[in-house]
Amino acid sequence: MIRLGVNEIEGRIKDEANAECDKIVREAEAKASELISEAREEIEDRKKDFIVAEEARGLEEKERMVRAARLNARKLKWDAEEEMTKKALEETMKRIKKVKEEGFNGVSYSDIMAGLIKDASISLIAGDGTANELEALICEEDVSYIDKSILKKVSTELSHDITVPVKLSLSSERIKSAGGVIVRGKDGKIEVNNTFEQRMTRYSASIREDIMKTLFTEK
């Protein structure tokens, strides 16, 4: 067997070591490349997930902003309707003074008051058939529009219409009102409020609907 020299042995060991080192380096580089590729894929996947999540959040935020804008628009519209309705009703109440002075559609305020008294009396008698002695309560400003002849005329019409004798008088008590009347039985147990304020309250829904149509319906 041929004996190898020390230099040859050292050279072979060195070559084998270098070969092993190259192998280890190649394997490490391959592994590193694989890890880098996997990392890049994961980054891309996360990037896609992030974009999708951001788009979803963006869409959700957009929808939230739209909902908020719609709610705000409805609130502004409602506030405007309320304000305009309030002003319209206030103007209506202010016109009562003009009605008292000039009448309405050819009907004097005294006749309007007579009609209010009659309507309230009929309602009261319908609710209590025994109440046929009635008194009318009006505001101080309306005293000049109601006299005994008007009350007598209303009493006569009531007695004829409901076939029950009705006695109607004017109370010395005054009410705080822009106009209209409260009719009650002499015993004071039952009354019907037919003042303008109360009528506006009773008919507020239909009045508001009419105002809305007038103010906010597109021409």
N, C-alpha and C. Protein backbone atom coordinates (compact mmCIF):
# COMPACT_ATOMS: atom_id res chain seq x y z
N MET A 1 0.86 -1.19 0.00
CA MET A 1 0.00 0.00 0.00
C MET A 1 0.89 1.23 0.00
N ILE A 2 0.56 2.08 -0.86
CA ILE A 2 1.39 3.29 -0.98
C ILE A 2 1.11 4.20 0.19
N ARG A 3 2.12 4.58 0.87
CA ARG A 3 1.96 5.49 2.00
C ARG A 3 1.93 6.92 1.49
N LEU A 4 1.02 7.70 2.04
CA LEU A 4 0.89 9.10 1.60
C LEU A 4 1.78 9.97 2.46
N GLY A 5 2.29 10.99 1.84
CA GLY A 5 3.09 11.93 2.59
C GLY A 5 2.22 12.86 3.41
N VAL A 6 2.87 13.44 4.39
CA VAL A 6 2.15 14.36 5.28
C VAL A 6 1.51 15.47 4.48
N ASN A 7 2.20 15.99 3.52
CA ASN A 7 1.65 17.12 2.74
C ASN A 7 0.42 16.71 1.94
N GLU A 8 0.52 15.44 1.40
CA GLU A 8 -0.61 14.96 0.62
C GLU A 8 -1.84 14.74 1.50
N ILE A 9 -1.57 14.19 2.73
CA ILE A 9 -2.69 13.98 3.66
C ILE A 9 -3.34 15.31 4.03
N GLU A 10 -2.48 16.28 4.34
CA GLU A 10 -3.00 17.60 4.72
C GLU A 10 -3.79 18.21 3.55
N GLY A 11 -3.26 17.99 2.31
CA GLY A 11 -3.97 18.55 1.17
C GLY A 11 -5.34 17.90 0.97
N ARG A 12 -5.37 16.52 1.15
CA ARG A 12 -6.66 15.83 0.99
C ARG A 12 -7.65 16.27 2.05
N ILE A 13 -7.16 16.36 3.31
CA ILE A 13 -8.05 16.82 4.40
C ILE A 13 -8.59 18.21 4.11
N LYS A 14 -7.70 19.05 3.60
CA LYS A 14 -8.10 20.42 3.29
C LYS A 14 -9.14 20.43 2.19
N ASP A 15 -8.89 19.57 1.13
CA ASP A 15 -9.86 19.52 0.03
C ASP A 15 -11.22 19.02 0.51
N GLU A 16 -11.18 17.95 1.35
CA GLU A 16 -12.43 17.42 1.87
C GLU A 16 -13.15 18.44 2.75
N ALA A 17 -12.36 19.16 3.53
CA ALA A 17 -12.94 20.19 4.40
C ALA A 17 -13.58 21.31 3.56
N ASN A 18 -12.84 21.67 2.49
CA ASN A 18 -13.38 22.72 1.62
C ASN A 18 -14.67 22.25 0.93
N ALA A 19 -14.65 20.96 0.49
CA ALA A 19 -15.84 20.41 -0.16
C ALA A 19 -17.02 20.38 0.81
N GLU A 20 -16.75 19.94 2.02
CA GLU A 20 -17.81 19.90 3.03
C GLU A 20 -18.31 21.31 3.35
N CYS A 21 -17.35 22.23 3.41
CA CYS A 21 -17.73 23.64 3.68
C CYS A 21 -18.59 24.17 2.55
N ASP A 22 -18.21 23.88 1.30
CA ASP A 22 -19.01 24.33 0.15
C ASP A 22 -20.41 23.73 0.19
N LYS A 23 -20.47 22.42 0.57
CA LYS A 23 -21.75 21.75 0.67
C LYS A 23 -22.65 22.41 1.73
N ILE A 24 -22.02 22.70 2.89
CA ILE A 24 -22.77 23.34 3.97
C ILE A 24 -23.25 24.73 3.54
N VAL A 25 -22.37 25.46 2.85
CA VAL A 25 -22.73 26.80 2.39
C VAL A 25 -23.88 26.73 1.39
N ARG A 26 -23.79 25.77 0.43
CA ARG A 26 -24.84 25.64 -0.57
C ARG A 26 -26.18 25.28 0.09
N GLU A 27 -26.11 24.35 1.04
CA GLU A 27 -27.34 23.97 1.75
C GLU A 27 -27.91 25.14 2.54
N ALA A 28 -27.00 25.91 3.18
CA ALA A 28 -27.44 27.07 3.95
C ALA A 28 -28.06 28.12 3.04
N GLU A 29 -27.38 28.30 1.86
CA GLU A 29 -27.92 29.29 0.92
C GLU A 29 -29.28 28.84 0.38
N ALA A 30 -29.41 27.54 0.11
CA ALA A 30 -30.69 27.02 -0.38
C ALA A 30 -31.77 27.17 0.68
N LYS A 31 -31.40 26.85 1.91
CA LYS A 31 -32.37 26.99 3.01
C LYS A 31 -32.75 28.45 3.21
N ALA A 32 -31.74 29.31 3.16
CA ALA A 32 -32.00 30.74 3.31
C ALA A 32 -32.90 31.25 2.20
N SER A 33 -32.64 30.78 0.96
CA SER A 33 -33.47 31.19 -0.17
C SER A 33 -34.91 30.72 0.01
N GLU A 34 -35.04 29.48 0.52
CA GLU A 34 -36.37 28.94 0.78
C GLU A 34 -37.10 29.75 1.86
N LEU A 35 -36.38 30.07 2.93
CA LEU A 35 -36.97 30.86 4.01
C LEU A 35 -37.36 32.27 3.52
N ILE A 36 -36.48 32.83 2.69
CA ILE A 36 -36.77 34.16 2.16
C ILE A 36 -38.01 34.12 1.27
N SER A 37 -38.11 33.06 0.44
CA SER A 37 -39.27 32.92 -0.44
C SER A 37 -40.55 32.76 0.37
N GLU A 38 -40.48 31.92 1.42
CA GLU A 38 -41.64 31.73 2.28
C GLU A 38 -42.01 33.03 2.99
N ALA A 39 -41.00 33.76 3.44
CA ALA A 39 -41.24 35.04 4.13
C ALA A 39 -41.90 36.04 3.18
N ARG A 40 -41.42 36.05 1.93
CA ARG A 40 -42.00 36.97 0.95
C ARG A 40 -43.47 36.61 0.68
N GLU A 41 -43.74 35.30 0.56
CA GLU A 41 -45.13 34.86 0.35
C GLU A 41 -46.02 35.26 1.52
N GLU A 42 -45.47 35.08 2.73
CA GLU A 42 -46.25 35.44 3.92
C GLU A 42 -46.49 36.95 3.96
N ILE A 43 -45.47 37.70 3.58
CA ILE A 43 -45.61 39.15 3.56
C ILE A 43 -46.67 39.56 2.54
N GLU A 44 -46.64 38.92 1.37
CA GLU A 44 -47.63 39.21 0.34
C GLU A 44 -49.05 38.87 0.82
N ASP A 45 -49.15 37.69 1.48
CA ASP A 45 -50.46 37.29 2.01
C ASP A 45 -50.96 38.29 3.04
N ARG A 46 -50.05 38.67 3.94
CA ARG A 46 -50.44 39.65 4.97
C ARG A 46 -50.78 40.99 4.35
N LYS A 47 -50.02 41.33 3.31
CA LYS A 47 -50.27 42.59 2.62
C LYS A 47 -51.66 42.58 2.00
N LYS A 48 -52.01 41.43 1.36
CA LYS A 48 -53.34 41.30 0.77
C LYS A 48 -54.43 41.38 1.84
N ASP A 49 -54.17 40.65 2.95
CA ASP A 49 -55.14 40.68 4.05
C ASP A 49 -55.30 42.10 4.59
N PHE A 50 -54.17 42.79 4.69
CA PHE A 50 -54.20 44.17 5.20
C PHE A 50 -55.01 45.07 4.26
N ILE A 51 -54.77 44.90 2.95
CA ILE A 51 -55.49 45.72 1.96
C ILE A 51 -56.98 45.44 2.03
N VAL A 52 -57.33 44.13 2.11
CA VAL A 52 -58.75 43.76 2.19
C VAL A 52 -59.37 44.33 3.46
N ALA A 53 -58.62 44.20 4.59
CA ALA A 53 -59.14 44.72 5.86
C ALA A 53 -59.30 46.23 5.80
N GLU A 54 -58.31 46.90 5.20
CA GLU A 54 -58.38 48.35 5.09
C GLU A 54 -59.54 48.78 4.18
N GLU A 55 -59.71 48.02 3.09
CA GLU A 55 -60.83 48.33 2.20
C GLU A 55 -62.16 48.13 2.91
N ALA A 56 -62.24 47.05 3.71
CA ALA A 56 -63.46 46.79 4.48
C ALA A 56 -63.70 47.90 5.49
N ARG A 57 -62.59 48.28 6.18
CA ARG A 57 -62.73 49.37 7.15
C ARG A 57 -63.10 50.67 6.46
N GLY A 58 -62.51 50.89 5.27
CA GLY A 58 -62.83 52.09 4.52
C GLY A 58 -64.28 52.12 4.09
N LEU A 59 -64.78 50.96 3.62
CA LEU A 59 -66.18 50.86 3.21
C LEU A 59 -67.10 51.07 4.40
N GLU A 60 -66.73 50.44 5.52
CA GLU A 60 -67.54 50.59 6.74
C GLU A 60 -67.56 52.04 7.20
N GLU A 61 -66.40 52.70 7.14
CA GLU A 61 -66.32 54.10 7.53
C GLU A 61 -67.14 54.98 6.59
N LYS A 62 -67.07 54.64 5.30
CA LYS A 62 -67.86 55.40 4.32
C LYS A 62 -69.35 55.25 4.59
N GLU A 63 -69.78 54.00 4.86
CA GLU A 63 -71.18 53.76 5.15
C GLU A 63 -71.60 54.47 6.44
N ARG A 64 -70.69 54.46 7.44
CA ARG A 64 -70.99 55.15 8.70
C ARG A 64 -71.16 56.64 8.46
N MET A 65 -70.27 57.21 7.64
CA MET A 65 -70.37 58.64 7.34
C MET A 65 -71.64 58.96 6.58
N VAL A 66 -72.04 58.07 5.66
CA VAL A 66 -73.27 58.28 4.91
C VAL A 66 -74.48 58.23 5.83
N ARG A 67 -74.48 57.22 6.74
CA ARG A 67 -75.58 57.12 7.70
C ARG A 67 -75.66 58.36 8.59
N ALA A 68 -74.48 58.80 9.05
CA ALA A 68 -74.44 59.99 9.90
C ALA A 68 -74.94 61.22 9.15
N ALA A 69 -74.54 61.32 7.86
CA ALA A 69 -74.98 62.46 7.05
C ALA A 69 -76.49 62.44 6.84
N ARG A 70 -77.03 61.24 6.60
CA ARG A 70 -78.48 61.13 6.42
C ARG A 70 -79.23 61.49 7.68
N LEU A 71 -78.72 60.99 8.82
CA LEU A 71 -79.35 61.32 10.10
C LEU A 71 -79.30 62.82 10.35
N ASN A 72 -78.15 63.42 10.06
CA ASN A 72 -78.01 64.86 10.26
C ASN A 72 -78.94 65.63 9.34
N ALA A 73 -79.06 65.15 8.10
CA ALA A 73 -79.95 65.82 7.14
C ALA A 73 -81.40 65.74 7.61
N ARG A 74 -81.79 64.55 8.12
CA ARG A 74 -83.16 64.40 8.61
C ARG A 74 -83.39 65.31 9.81
N LYS A 75 -82.38 65.40 10.68
CA LYS A 75 -82.52 66.26 11.87
C LYS A 75 -82.64 67.72 11.45
N LEU A 76 -81.81 68.15 10.49
CA LEU A 76 -81.89 69.53 10.02
C LEU A 76 -83.24 69.81 9.39
N LYS A 77 -83.75 68.84 8.60
CA LYS A 77 -85.06 69.00 7.98
C LYS A 77 -86.14 69.08 9.04
N TRP A 78 -86.05 68.18 10.05
CA TRP A 78 -87.03 68.17 11.13
C TRP A 78 -86.98 69.49 11.91
N ASP A 79 -85.76 69.98 12.20
CA ASP A 79 -85.61 71.26 12.91
C ASP A 79 -86.23 72.39 12.10
N ALA A 80 -85.97 72.36 10.78
CA ALA A 80 -86.52 73.41 9.91
C ALA A 80 -88.05 73.34 9.90
N GLU A 81 -88.58 72.12 9.82
CA GLU A 81 -90.04 71.95 9.83
C GLU A 81 -90.63 72.45 11.14
N GLU A 82 -89.98 72.09 12.24
CA GLU A 82 -90.47 72.52 13.55
C GLU A 82 -90.45 74.04 13.67
N GLU A 83 -89.35 74.64 13.21
CA GLU A 83 -89.22 76.09 13.31
C GLU A 83 -90.26 76.79 12.44
N MET A 84 -90.42 76.31 11.20
CA MET A 84 -91.38 76.93 10.30
C MET A 84 -92.82 76.70 10.78
N THR A 85 -93.07 75.50 11.32
CA THR A 85 -94.41 75.22 11.86
C THR A 85 -94.71 76.14 13.03
N LYS A 86 -93.72 76.30 13.91
CA LYS A 86 -93.88 77.16 15.07
C LYS A 86 -94.18 78.60 14.63
N LYS A 87 -93.42 79.07 13.64
CA LYS A 87 -93.63 80.44 13.15
C LYS A 87 -95.00 80.58 12.49
N ALA A 88 -95.39 79.55 11.73
CA ALA A 88 -96.68 79.60 11.06
C ALA A 88 -97.82 79.65 12.07
N LEU A 89 -97.70 78.84 13.13
CA LEU A 89 -98.73 78.83 14.18
C LEU A 89 -98.75 80.16 14.93
N GLU A 90 -97.55 80.71 15.19
CA GLU A 90 -97.48 82.01 15.86
C GLU A 90 -98.14 83.10 15.01
N GLU A 91 -97.88 83.05 13.70
CA GLU A 91 -98.49 84.04 12.82
C GLU A 91 -100.00 83.88 12.77
N THR A 92 -100.44 82.61 12.85
CA THR A 92 -101.89 82.36 12.87
C THR A 92 -102.53 82.99 14.09
N MET A 93 -101.87 82.82 15.25
CA MET A 93 -102.41 83.39 16.48
C MET A 93 -102.41 84.92 16.41
N LYS A 94 -101.39 85.49 15.76
CA LYS A 94 -101.32 86.95 15.64
C LYS A 94 -102.46 87.48 14.77
N ARG A 95 -102.89 86.67 13.81
CA ARG A 95 -103.94 87.13 12.89
C ARG A 95 -105.31 87.17 13.57
N ILE A 96 -105.41 86.55 14.74
CA ILE A 96 -106.69 86.56 15.45
C ILE A 96 -107.12 87.99 15.75
N LYS A 97 -106.16 88.81 16.08
CA LYS A 97 -106.48 90.22 16.38
C LYS A 97 -107.11 90.88 15.16
N LYS A 98 -106.58 90.57 13.98
CA LYS A 98 -107.14 91.15 12.76
C LYS A 98 -108.54 90.60 12.50
N VAL A 99 -108.74 89.32 12.81
CA VAL A 99 -110.06 88.71 12.64
C VAL A 99 -111.07 89.39 13.55
N LYS A 100 -110.64 89.70 14.76
CA LYS A 100 -111.54 90.38 15.70
C LYS A 100 -111.97 91.74 15.16
N GLU A 101 -111.06 92.40 14.50
CA GLU A 101 -111.36 93.74 13.99
C GLU A 101 -112.15 93.70 12.68
N GLU A 102 -111.79 92.75 11.79
CA GLU A 102 -112.36 92.76 10.44
C GLU A 102 -113.28 91.58 10.15
N GLY A 103 -113.28 90.56 11.03
CA GLY A 103 -114.05 89.36 10.73
C GLY A 103 -113.26 88.44 9.82
N PHE A 104 -113.90 87.37 9.35
CA PHE A 104 -113.21 86.41 8.49
C PHE A 104 -114.19 85.90 7.44
N ASN A 105 -113.83 86.09 6.18
CA ASN A 105 -114.69 85.67 5.07
C ASN A 105 -116.12 86.19 5.21
N GLY A 106 -116.23 87.45 5.61
CA GLY A 106 -117.54 88.07 5.73
C GLY A 106 -118.29 87.74 7.00
N VAL A 107 -117.69 86.98 7.89
CA VAL A 107 -118.33 86.63 9.17
C VAL A 107 -117.68 87.44 10.28
N SER A 108 -118.51 88.16 11.06
CA SER A 108 -117.97 88.99 12.13
C SER A 108 -117.43 88.12 13.26
N TYR A 109 -116.56 88.71 14.07
CA TYR A 109 -115.98 87.96 15.20
C TYR A 109 -117.07 87.59 16.20
N SER A 110 -118.07 88.45 16.36
CA SER A 110 -119.18 88.14 17.28
C SER A 110 -119.90 86.86 16.84
N ASP A 111 -120.12 86.73 15.52
CA ASP A 111 -120.77 85.53 15.01
C ASP A 111 -119.86 84.30 15.15
N ILE A 112 -118.56 84.53 14.97
CA ILE A 112 -117.61 83.43 15.17
C ILE A 112 -117.66 82.95 16.61
N MET A 113 -117.68 83.90 17.54
CA MET A 113 -117.76 83.56 18.96
C MET A 113 -119.07 82.84 19.27
N ALA A 114 -120.16 83.29 18.66
CA ALA A 114 -121.46 82.63 18.86
C ALA A 114 -121.39 81.17 18.41
N GLY A 115 -120.71 80.93 17.29
CA GLY A 115 -120.56 79.57 16.79
C GLY A 115 -119.72 78.72 17.73
N LEU A 116 -118.65 79.31 18.29
CA LEU A 116 -117.80 78.58 19.24
C LEU A 116 -118.57 78.23 20.51
N ILE A 117 -119.37 79.17 20.97
CA ILE A 117 -120.18 78.94 22.17
C ILE A 117 -121.20 77.83 21.92
N LYS A 118 -121.82 77.87 20.76
CA LYS A 118 -122.84 76.87 20.43
C LYS A 118 -122.21 75.47 20.33
N ASP A 119 -121.07 75.37 19.63
CA ASP A 119 -120.39 74.08 19.48
C ASP A 119 -119.99 73.50 20.84
N ALA A 120 -119.41 74.36 21.70
CA ALA A 120 -118.98 73.91 23.02
C ALA A 120 -120.18 73.47 23.86
N SER A 121 -121.28 74.20 23.74
CA SER A 121 -122.50 73.87 24.50
C SER A 121 -123.06 72.52 24.07
N ILE A 122 -123.10 72.28 22.77
CA ILE A 122 -123.60 71.00 22.26
C ILE A 122 -122.74 69.84 22.77
N SER A 123 -121.42 70.03 22.74
CA SER A 123 -120.51 68.98 23.23
C SER A 123 -120.73 68.73 24.71
N LEU A 124 -120.91 69.80 25.47
CA LEU A 124 -121.10 69.65 26.92
C LEU A 124 -122.41 68.93 27.23
N ILE A 125 -123.49 69.33 26.56
CA ILE A 125 -124.79 68.71 26.80
C ILE A 125 -124.79 67.25 26.37
N ALA A 126 -124.04 66.95 25.30
CA ALA A 126 -123.94 65.56 24.83
C ALA A 126 -123.24 64.70 25.88
N GLY A 127 -122.29 65.31 26.59
CA GLY A 127 -121.57 64.56 27.62
C GLY A 127 -122.32 64.48 28.92
N ASP A 128 -123.23 65.42 29.15
CA ASP A 128 -124.02 65.43 30.40
C ASP A 128 -125.40 65.97 30.06
N GLY A 129 -126.32 65.08 29.80
CA GLY A 129 -127.66 65.48 29.36
C GLY A 129 -128.42 66.33 30.36
N THR A 130 -127.98 66.32 31.62
CA THR A 130 -128.68 67.10 32.65
C THR A 130 -128.20 68.53 32.72
N ALA A 131 -127.06 68.80 32.05
CA ALA A 131 -126.48 70.14 32.12
C ALA A 131 -127.09 71.03 31.04
N ASN A 132 -128.15 71.75 31.40
CA ASN A 132 -128.76 72.65 30.41
C ASN A 132 -128.74 74.11 30.87
N GLU A 133 -128.16 74.34 32.04
CA GLU A 133 -127.94 75.72 32.50
C GLU A 133 -126.44 75.97 32.43
N LEU A 134 -126.05 76.75 31.43
CA LEU A 134 -124.63 76.89 31.10
C LEU A 134 -124.15 78.33 31.23
N GLU A 135 -122.84 78.46 31.38
CA GLU A 135 -122.24 79.80 31.38
C GLU A 135 -120.99 79.79 30.51
N ALA A 136 -120.78 80.93 29.85
CA ALA A 136 -119.64 81.07 28.95
C ALA A 136 -118.56 81.91 29.60
N LEU A 137 -117.31 81.44 29.51
CA LEU A 137 -116.17 82.17 30.05
C LEU A 137 -115.32 82.64 28.87
N ILE A 138 -115.05 83.95 28.85
CA ILE A 138 -114.26 84.51 27.76
C ILE A 138 -113.14 85.38 28.34
N CYS A 139 -112.22 85.80 27.46
CA CYS A 139 -111.15 86.68 27.92
C CYS A 139 -111.65 88.13 27.99
N GLU A 140 -110.94 88.94 28.71
CA GLU A 140 -111.35 90.33 28.92
C GLU A 140 -111.48 91.06 27.59
N GLU A 141 -110.61 90.78 26.65
CA GLU A 141 -110.60 91.47 25.37
C GLU A 141 -111.85 91.19 24.54
N ASP A 142 -112.50 90.04 24.80
CA ASP A 142 -113.65 89.64 23.99
C ASP A 142 -115.00 90.08 24.57
N VAL A 143 -114.97 90.75 25.70
CA VAL A 143 -116.23 91.15 26.36
C VAL A 143 -117.07 92.03 25.43
N SER A 144 -116.41 92.88 24.70
CA SER A 144 -117.15 93.82 23.84
C SER A 144 -117.81 93.11 22.65
N TYR A 145 -117.42 91.86 22.38
CA TYR A 145 -118.00 91.15 21.24
C TYR A 145 -119.19 90.27 21.61
N ILE A 146 -119.43 90.10 22.91
CA ILE A 146 -120.51 89.23 23.36
C ILE A 146 -121.49 90.04 24.23
N ASP A 147 -122.76 90.02 23.87
CA ASP A 147 -123.77 90.68 24.70
C ASP A 147 -124.93 89.71 24.94
N LYS A 148 -125.90 90.14 25.69
CA LYS A 148 -127.02 89.26 26.06
C LYS A 148 -127.82 88.80 24.84
N SER A 149 -127.90 89.66 23.84
CA SER A 149 -128.69 89.28 22.66
C SER A 149 -128.05 88.08 21.94
N ILE A 150 -126.73 88.08 21.89
CA ILE A 150 -126.03 86.95 21.24
C ILE A 150 -126.25 85.67 22.04
N LEU A 151 -126.11 85.76 23.37
CA LEU A 151 -126.30 84.59 24.22
C LEU A 151 -127.74 84.09 24.12
N LYS A 152 -128.67 85.01 24.06
CA LYS A 152 -130.09 84.61 23.95
C LYS A 152 -130.34 83.90 22.62
N LYS A 153 -129.71 84.43 21.56
CA LYS A 153 -129.88 83.82 20.24
C LYS A 153 -129.31 82.40 20.22
N VAL A 154 -128.13 82.24 20.82
CA VAL A 154 -127.50 80.90 20.87
C VAL A 154 -128.35 79.95 21.71
N SER A 155 -128.87 80.44 22.84
CA SER A 155 -129.72 79.62 23.70
C SER A 155 -130.96 79.14 22.95
N THR A 156 -131.55 80.05 22.18
CA THR A 156 -132.75 79.70 21.41
C THR A 156 -132.43 78.65 20.36
N GLU A 157 -131.33 78.83 19.65
CA GLU A 157 -130.93 77.86 18.63
C GLU A 157 -130.64 76.50 19.25
N LEU A 158 -129.97 76.50 20.39
CA LEU A 158 -129.65 75.24 21.07
C LEU A 158 -130.94 74.53 21.49
N SER A 159 -131.84 75.27 22.09
CA SER A 159 -133.11 74.69 22.56
C SER A 159 -133.89 74.08 21.41
N HIS A 160 -133.80 74.73 20.24
CA HIS A 160 -134.52 74.25 19.06
C HIS A 160 -133.83 73.01 18.48
N ASP A 161 -132.49 73.05 18.41
CA ASP A 161 -131.74 71.98 17.76
C ASP A 161 -131.73 70.68 18.56
N ILE A 162 -131.60 70.80 19.88
CA ILE A 162 -131.49 69.58 20.70
C ILE A 162 -132.77 69.31 21.49
N THR A 163 -133.78 70.11 21.23
CA THR A 163 -135.11 69.94 21.88
C THR A 163 -135.01 69.85 23.40
N VAL A 164 -134.08 70.57 23.95
CA VAL A 164 -133.93 70.67 25.41
C VAL A 164 -133.78 72.15 25.74
N PRO A 165 -134.56 72.67 26.67
CA PRO A 165 -134.43 74.09 27.02
C PRO A 165 -133.04 74.39 27.59
N VAL A 166 -132.37 75.36 27.00
CA VAL A 166 -131.01 75.71 27.43
C VAL A 166 -130.98 77.17 27.86
N LYS A 167 -130.38 77.39 29.00
CA LYS A 167 -130.20 78.75 29.49
C LYS A 167 -128.71 79.04 29.53
N LEU A 168 -128.32 80.06 28.78
CA LEU A 168 -126.91 80.38 28.65
C LEU A 168 -126.64 81.80 29.15
N SER A 169 -125.62 81.93 30.00
CA SER A 169 -125.26 83.25 30.54
C SER A 169 -123.75 83.46 30.43
N LEU A 170 -123.36 84.71 30.60
CA LEU A 170 -121.94 85.06 30.54
C LEU A 170 -121.38 85.13 31.95
N SER A 171 -120.32 84.36 32.21
CA SER A 171 -119.70 84.36 33.54
C SER A 171 -118.92 85.65 33.76
N SER A 172 -118.86 86.08 35.00
CA SER A 172 -118.06 87.25 35.35
C SER A 172 -116.58 86.90 35.44
N GLU A 173 -116.30 85.59 35.45
CA GLU A 173 -114.90 85.13 35.50
C GLU A 173 -114.27 85.27 34.12
N ARG A 174 -113.03 85.73 34.09
CA ARG A 174 -112.33 85.91 32.82
C ARG A 174 -111.19 84.89 32.68
N ILE A 175 -110.94 84.50 31.45
CA ILE A 175 -109.88 83.52 31.20
C ILE A 175 -108.72 84.17 30.47
N LYS A 176 -107.55 83.56 30.56
CA LYS A 176 -106.38 84.04 29.82
C LYS A 176 -106.32 83.29 28.49
N SER A 177 -106.63 84.00 27.43
CA SER A 177 -106.69 83.37 26.12
C SER A 177 -106.63 84.43 25.04
N ALA A 178 -106.19 84.01 23.85
CA ALA A 178 -106.18 84.94 22.71
C ALA A 178 -107.58 85.13 22.16
N GLY A 179 -108.46 84.21 22.48
CA GLY A 179 -109.84 84.30 22.01
C GLY A 179 -110.52 82.96 22.10
N GLY A 180 -111.83 82.95 21.85
CA GLY A 180 -112.59 81.71 21.99
C GLY A 180 -113.33 81.69 23.32
N VAL A 181 -113.77 80.52 23.72
CA VAL A 181 -114.65 80.44 24.89
C VAL A 181 -114.50 79.10 25.62
N ILE A 182 -114.78 79.11 26.89
CA ILE A 182 -114.96 77.89 27.68
C ILE A 182 -116.41 77.89 28.15
N VAL A 183 -117.11 76.82 27.87
CA VAL A 183 -118.50 76.69 28.34
C VAL A 183 -118.54 75.61 29.41
N ARG A 184 -119.21 75.91 30.52
CA ARG A 184 -119.31 74.93 31.60
C ARG A 184 -120.71 74.97 32.22
N GLY A 185 -121.03 73.89 32.90
CA GLY A 185 -122.30 73.86 33.60
C GLY A 185 -122.25 74.78 34.80
N LYS A 186 -123.41 75.19 35.28
CA LYS A 186 -123.46 76.11 36.42
C LYS A 186 -122.79 75.53 37.65
N ASP A 187 -122.81 74.18 37.76
CA ASP A 187 -122.18 73.56 38.93
C ASP A 187 -120.66 73.48 38.78
N GLY A 188 -120.15 73.78 37.60
CA GLY A 188 -118.70 73.82 37.37
C GLY A 188 -118.03 72.46 37.26
N LYS A 189 -118.82 71.38 37.24
CA LYS A 189 -118.23 70.04 37.21
C LYS A 189 -117.69 69.67 35.83
N ILE A 190 -118.38 70.09 34.79
CA ILE A 190 -117.98 69.75 33.42
C ILE A 190 -117.82 71.02 32.61
N GLU A 191 -116.77 71.04 31.79
CA GLU A 191 -116.57 72.19 30.91
C GLU A 191 -115.98 71.73 29.58
N VAL A 192 -116.21 72.54 28.58
CA VAL A 192 -115.65 72.29 27.26
C VAL A 192 -114.84 73.51 26.85
N ASN A 193 -113.56 73.27 26.60
CA ASN A 193 -112.65 74.36 26.24
C ASN A 193 -112.64 74.52 24.72
N ASN A 194 -113.17 75.65 24.28
CA ASN A 194 -113.20 75.93 22.84
C ASN A 194 -112.46 77.23 22.54
N THR A 195 -111.36 77.45 23.28
CA THR A 195 -110.51 78.61 23.00
C THR A 195 -109.67 78.30 21.76
N PHE A 196 -109.12 79.35 21.16
CA PHE A 196 -108.30 79.14 19.97
C PHE A 196 -107.07 78.29 20.30
N GLU A 197 -106.47 78.52 21.46
CA GLU A 197 -105.29 77.74 21.84
C GLU A 197 -105.62 76.25 21.93
N GLN A 198 -106.75 75.95 22.58
CA GLN A 198 -107.12 74.55 22.75
C GLN A 198 -107.51 73.91 21.41
N ARG A 199 -108.17 74.67 20.58
CA ARG A 199 -108.54 74.15 19.27
C ARG A 199 -107.28 73.87 18.43
N MET A 200 -106.31 74.76 18.54
CA MET A 200 -105.05 74.54 17.82
C MET A 200 -104.38 73.27 18.32
N THR A 201 -104.44 73.04 19.61
CA THR A 201 -103.85 71.82 20.18
C THR A 201 -104.59 70.59 19.69
N ARG A 202 -105.92 70.64 19.71
CA ARG A 202 -106.72 69.48 19.29
C ARG A 202 -106.48 69.15 17.82
N TYR A 203 -106.35 70.19 17.02
CA TYR A 203 -106.21 69.96 15.59
C TYR A 203 -104.76 70.09 15.12
N SER A 204 -103.82 70.02 16.07
CA SER A 204 -102.41 70.27 15.74
C SER A 204 -101.89 69.32 14.68
N ALA A 205 -102.31 68.05 14.72
CA ALA A 205 -101.80 67.07 13.74
C ALA A 205 -102.20 67.46 12.32
N SER A 206 -103.50 67.77 12.13
CA SER A 206 -103.96 68.13 10.78
C SER A 206 -103.43 69.50 10.39
N ILE A 207 -103.33 70.41 11.36
CA ILE A 207 -102.79 71.74 11.08
C ILE A 207 -101.33 71.62 10.65
N ARG A 208 -100.56 70.79 11.38
CA ARG A 208 -99.15 70.59 11.05
C ARG A 208 -99.01 69.97 9.65
N GLU A 209 -99.89 69.02 9.35
CA GLU A 209 -99.84 68.37 8.03
C GLU A 209 -100.09 69.40 6.93
N ASP A 210 -101.07 70.26 7.14
CA ASP A 210 -101.36 71.29 6.15
C ASP A 210 -100.19 72.25 5.99
N ILE A 211 -99.57 72.59 7.12
CA ILE A 211 -98.43 73.51 7.08
C ILE A 211 -97.27 72.86 6.33
N MET A 212 -97.03 71.57 6.61
CA MET A 212 -95.95 70.86 5.94
C MET A 212 -96.17 70.83 4.43
N LYS A 213 -97.41 70.58 4.03
CA LYS A 213 -97.71 70.54 2.59
C LYS A 213 -97.48 71.90 1.96
N THR A 214 -97.88 72.94 2.68
CA THR A 214 -97.76 74.30 2.14
C THR A 214 -96.30 74.74 2.06
N LEU A 215 -95.53 74.44 3.13
CA LEU A 215 -94.17 74.96 3.22
C LEU A 215 -93.13 74.09 2.53
N PHE A 216 -93.34 72.79 2.52
CA PHE A 216 -92.25 71.90 2.08
C PHE A 216 -92.56 71.04 0.86
N THR A 217 -93.78 71.07 0.35
CA THR A 217 -94.07 70.30 -0.85
C THR A 217 -93.54 71.04 -2.06
N GLU A 218 -92.76 70.32 -2.87
CA GLU A 218 -92.17 70.95 -4.06
C GLU A 218 -93.27 71.34 -5.04
N LYS A 219 -93.12 72.54 -5.53
CA LYS A 219 -94.12 73.04 -6.48
C LYS A 219 -93.87 72.41 -7.84
